[in-house]
Protein backbone atom coordinates (compact mmCIF):
# COMPACT_ATOMS: atom_id res chain seq x y z
CA UNK A 1 73.48 93.96 157.07
CA UNK A 2 74.40 93.65 153.40
CA UNK A 3 72.70 90.78 151.49
CA UNK A 4 75.92 89.65 149.99
CA UNK A 5 74.41 86.29 148.80
CA UNK A 6 71.63 87.90 146.88
CA UNK A 7 74.04 90.56 145.28
CA UNK A 8 76.22 87.80 144.30
CA UNK A 9 73.32 85.92 142.44
CA UNK A 10 72.55 89.00 140.74
CA UNK A 11 76.25 89.59 139.62
CA UNK A 12 76.53 85.92 138.52
CA UNK A 13 73.31 86.26 136.33
CA UNK A 14 74.72 89.36 134.72
CA UNK A 15 78.15 87.78 133.97
CA UNK A 16 76.41 84.65 132.67
CA UNK A 17 74.34 86.75 130.43
CA UNK A 18 71.29 84.79 131.07
CA UNK A 19 68.34 85.28 128.88
CA UNK A 20 65.46 86.87 130.76
CA UNK A 21 62.90 85.38 128.40
CA UNK A 22 63.80 81.81 129.58
CA UNK A 23 64.11 82.63 133.28
CA UNK A 24 61.87 82.92 136.32
CA UNK A 25 62.75 85.06 139.37
CA UNK A 26 62.24 83.72 142.88
CA UNK A 27 62.46 85.56 146.21
CA UNK A 28 66.22 84.88 146.62
CA UNK A 29 67.20 83.68 143.34
CA UNK A 30 66.17 82.49 139.86
CA UNK A 31 65.36 79.42 137.65
CA UNK A 32 66.34 79.30 133.87
CA UNK A 33 66.17 76.93 130.92
CA UNK A 34 69.23 76.88 128.75
CA UNK A 35 67.20 74.27 126.76
CA UNK A 36 64.91 71.62 128.54
CA UNK A 37 66.65 70.94 131.68
CA UNK A 38 66.08 73.91 134.30
CA UNK A 39 68.93 75.28 136.55
CA UNK A 40 68.20 76.87 139.85
CA UNK A 41 70.35 79.36 141.65
CA UNK A 42 69.68 80.95 145.11
CA UNK A 43 71.24 82.37 148.12
CA UNK A 44 70.68 81.80 151.77
CA UNK A 45 70.03 84.55 154.16
CA UNK A 46 73.31 86.27 155.15
CA UNK A 47 74.81 85.63 158.63
CA UNK A 48 77.56 87.39 160.60
CA UNK A 49 80.52 85.27 161.42
CA UNK A 50 82.26 86.27 164.47
CA UNK A 51 81.03 89.73 164.08
CA UNK A 52 83.92 90.18 161.42
CA UNK A 53 82.44 88.71 158.04
CA UNK A 54 79.01 88.64 156.53
CA UNK A 55 78.57 85.38 154.80
CA UNK A 56 75.92 83.85 152.69
CA UNK A 57 75.62 80.28 150.88
CA UNK A 58 75.01 80.35 147.31
CA UNK A 59 73.41 77.15 145.61
CA UNK A 60 73.33 76.07 142.05
CA UNK A 61 71.42 73.00 141.18
CA UNK A 62 70.35 71.47 137.68
CA UNK A 63 67.71 68.85 136.90
CA UNK A 64 69.34 65.97 135.26
CA UNK A 65 67.08 62.87 135.16
CA UNK A 66 63.97 61.50 136.48
CA UNK A 67 62.82 57.88 137.10
CA UNK A 68 65.38 57.14 139.83
CA UNK A 69 64.10 54.57 142.23
CA UNK A 70 66.72 54.39 144.90
CA UNK A 71 67.78 50.76 144.45
CA UNK A 72 71.22 49.30 145.35
CA UNK A 73 71.95 48.75 141.63
CA UNK A 74 71.10 52.48 140.92
CA UNK A 75 73.25 53.71 143.86
CA UNK A 76 75.93 51.68 142.43
CA UNK A 77 75.55 53.09 139.04
CA UNK A 78 75.80 56.70 140.58
CA UNK A 79 78.80 55.68 142.55
CA UNK A 80 80.68 54.74 139.33
CA UNK A 81 79.56 58.07 137.72
CA UNK A 82 80.74 60.10 140.69
CA UNK A 83 84.25 59.18 140.13
CA UNK A 84 84.13 61.48 136.99
CA UNK A 85 82.45 64.60 138.72
CA UNK A 86 84.18 67.82 138.75
CA UNK A 87 82.58 70.71 140.78
CA UNK A 88 79.16 69.13 141.39
CA UNK A 89 77.63 66.01 142.71
CA UNK A 90 74.24 64.14 142.66
CA UNK A 91 71.58 64.94 144.92
CA UNK A 92 67.80 63.83 144.85
CA UNK A 93 65.43 66.69 144.42
CA UNK A 94 63.76 67.62 147.84
CA UNK A 95 60.28 67.69 146.38
CA UNK A 96 60.66 64.76 144.03
CA UNK A 97 63.12 61.99 145.17
CA UNK A 98 62.79 60.25 141.73
CA UNK A 99 64.48 63.19 140.12
CA UNK A 100 68.33 63.57 140.31
CA UNK A 101 70.19 66.98 140.06
CA UNK A 102 73.55 68.16 140.19
CA UNK A 103 74.34 70.37 143.08
CA UNK A 104 77.11 72.60 144.19
CA UNK A 105 77.28 75.49 146.76
CA UNK A 106 79.75 78.22 147.70
CA UNK A 107 79.86 80.53 150.78
CA UNK A 108 80.56 84.03 149.66
CA UNK A 109 81.48 87.01 151.80
CA UNK A 110 82.17 90.82 151.32
CA UNK A 111 85.97 90.76 151.04
CA UNK A 112 85.86 88.34 148.13
CA UNK A 113 82.54 88.97 146.39
CA UNK A 114 84.00 89.85 143.05
CA UNK A 115 86.21 86.96 142.62
CA UNK A 116 83.62 84.53 144.00
CA UNK A 117 80.94 85.77 141.69
CA UNK A 118 83.34 84.76 138.74
CA UNK A 119 83.68 81.27 140.39
CA UNK A 120 80.07 80.78 140.80
CA UNK A 121 79.43 81.87 137.21
CA UNK A 122 82.04 79.21 135.90
CA UNK A 123 80.75 76.52 138.22
CA UNK A 124 77.42 76.93 137.02
CA UNK A 125 78.39 76.71 133.44
CA UNK A 126 80.25 73.49 133.96
CA UNK A 127 77.43 72.00 135.78
CA UNK A 128 75.06 72.88 132.96
CA UNK A 129 77.33 71.01 130.38
CA UNK A 130 77.73 68.02 132.65
CA UNK A 131 73.80 67.78 133.42
CA UNK A 132 73.10 67.66 129.75
CA UNK A 133 75.65 65.09 129.11
CA UNK A 134 74.65 62.82 131.95
CA UNK A 135 70.78 63.37 130.93
CA UNK A 136 71.83 61.82 127.37
CA UNK A 137 73.63 58.90 129.23
CA UNK A 138 70.84 58.45 131.73
CA UNK A 139 68.40 57.44 128.95
CA UNK A 140 70.76 54.74 127.86
CA UNK A 141 70.28 53.04 131.30
CA UNK A 142 66.72 52.37 130.49
CA UNK A 143 65.14 53.15 133.78
CA UNK A 144 66.17 56.86 133.76
CA UNK A 145 65.19 59.61 131.34
CA UNK A 146 66.07 63.31 131.09
CA UNK A 147 64.20 65.63 133.52
CA UNK A 148 62.99 68.02 130.68
CA UNK A 149 60.60 70.77 131.89
CA UNK A 150 59.01 73.61 130.31
CA UNK A 151 59.24 77.32 131.05
CA UNK A 152 55.99 78.54 132.58
CA UNK A 153 55.34 80.96 129.85
CA UNK A 154 57.66 79.98 126.80
CA UNK A 155 57.19 76.27 127.07
CA UNK A 156 59.71 73.92 125.83
CA UNK A 157 62.96 75.52 124.64
CA UNK A 158 64.01 73.79 121.53
CA UNK A 159 67.11 76.12 120.48
CA UNK A 160 69.97 75.51 123.11
CA UNK A 161 71.63 78.52 124.79
CA UNK A 162 75.38 79.01 123.54
CA UNK A 163 76.48 78.25 127.00
CA UNK A 164 75.78 74.55 126.19
CA UNK A 165 78.35 74.73 123.45
CA UNK A 166 81.23 74.82 125.82
CA UNK A 167 82.21 71.22 125.47
CA UNK A 168 82.26 71.18 121.68
CA UNK A 169 83.45 74.69 120.90
CA UNK A 170 86.10 75.20 123.73
CA UNK A 171 87.09 71.98 125.68
CA UNK A 172 87.39 69.27 122.93
CA UNK A 173 89.30 71.49 120.42
CA UNK A 174 91.62 72.82 123.22
CA UNK A 175 92.39 69.05 124.19
CA UNK A 176 93.53 68.47 120.70
CA UNK A 177 96.33 71.23 121.00
CA UNK A 178 99.38 71.31 123.17
CA UNK A 179 98.81 72.34 126.90
CA UNK A 180 98.56 75.99 127.32
CA UNK A 181 99.88 75.75 130.71
CA UNK A 182 103.03 73.71 129.88
CA UNK A 183 106.29 75.51 130.64
CA UNK A 184 107.02 77.91 133.37
CA UNK A 185 103.45 78.15 134.61
CA UNK A 186 103.31 74.47 135.13
CA UNK A 187 106.54 74.66 137.06
CA UNK A 188 105.36 77.49 139.25
CA UNK A 189 102.34 75.44 140.21
CA UNK A 190 104.30 73.00 142.12
CA UNK A 191 105.19 75.64 144.56
CA UNK A 192 101.52 76.77 144.90
CA UNK A 193 100.18 73.29 145.69
CA UNK A 194 102.89 72.33 147.97
CA UNK A 195 101.24 73.79 151.22
CA UNK A 196 100.73 71.93 154.69
CA UNK A 197 97.61 69.93 153.23
CA UNK A 198 99.98 68.44 150.61
CA UNK A 199 102.34 65.67 151.76
CA UNK A 200 104.48 65.67 148.87
CA UNK A 201 104.50 67.40 145.30
CA UNK A 202 106.99 67.14 142.44
CA UNK A 203 106.72 68.00 138.98
CA UNK A 204 108.28 69.70 135.88
CA UNK A 205 107.27 71.88 132.99
CA UNK A 206 104.99 69.37 131.52
CA UNK A 207 102.86 67.90 134.67
CA UNK A 208 102.59 67.69 138.46
CA UNK A 209 101.88 64.97 140.91
CA UNK A 210 100.66 65.58 144.37
CA UNK A 211 100.01 63.31 147.28
CA UNK A 212 97.18 64.18 149.99
CA UNK A 213 96.54 62.43 153.23
CA UNK A 214 93.07 60.45 153.76
CA UNK A 215 90.85 62.35 156.20
CA UNK A 216 90.96 60.80 159.61
CA UNK A 217 93.98 58.68 159.28
CA UNK A 218 97.86 58.93 158.96
CA UNK A 219 97.98 57.34 155.53
CA UNK A 220 98.29 59.11 152.14
CA UNK A 221 96.70 58.32 149.23
CA UNK A 222 98.44 55.54 147.29
CA UNK A 223 97.33 56.91 143.91
CA UNK A 224 98.74 60.16 142.73
CA UNK A 225 96.79 63.02 141.06
CA UNK A 226 98.42 64.27 137.95
CA UNK A 227 97.29 67.60 136.78
CA UNK A 228 97.70 67.46 133.00
CA UNK A 229 95.45 70.03 131.41
CA UNK A 230 95.65 68.46 127.90
CA UNK A 231 94.88 65.02 129.10
CA UNK A 232 91.87 66.26 131.01
CA UNK A 233 90.51 68.19 127.96
CA UNK A 234 91.09 65.36 125.53
CA UNK A 235 89.22 62.95 127.90
CA UNK A 236 86.22 65.30 128.20
């Protein structure tokens, strides 16, 4: 059986150009330090699904902050923050419940390994940027502080990896410009999102609004989701 999960982790590491000097290998993945917050990537053992697909679950987690006590007030703060999350969510570190991590996972299979490797690489980059932003904000709360750790050989990394410049060099400048997707591409997107899971979608060349049902009930969401790339980038 092909170890598709481990192959995907190796491919993702190559695509992200992760510096070996600031990484540590594990049996089924690796940890690395883009600066002082560590990111951990690993794959579960592959499994056969209905004797047709070989699948594996790939996990990405980045240490964010520590000092989390699990109080109702702290959970309320996390609940408010979670409304602004993208591809990752907060979890408590399994061996240290006072440390919060950002976590996401994706199931990969042989037929889509190449495309999924790209998605995992993008997800890991976005997660890193968010982790460093939330770590800075956590220190303003007063009871939390950044979960900085040192590379076992190189020590604390002072100079940040270029990957952390995504927000300042790419997202924010792009948000100050007209949307790159406005026009025919935005209009075509309406047909792509209007599938059986979508109750109603409408839009034009400048934006799209889509309504989706709430799980477990017949009602639809009252608030509409507007996909306006320029607005998102500006807010970020």
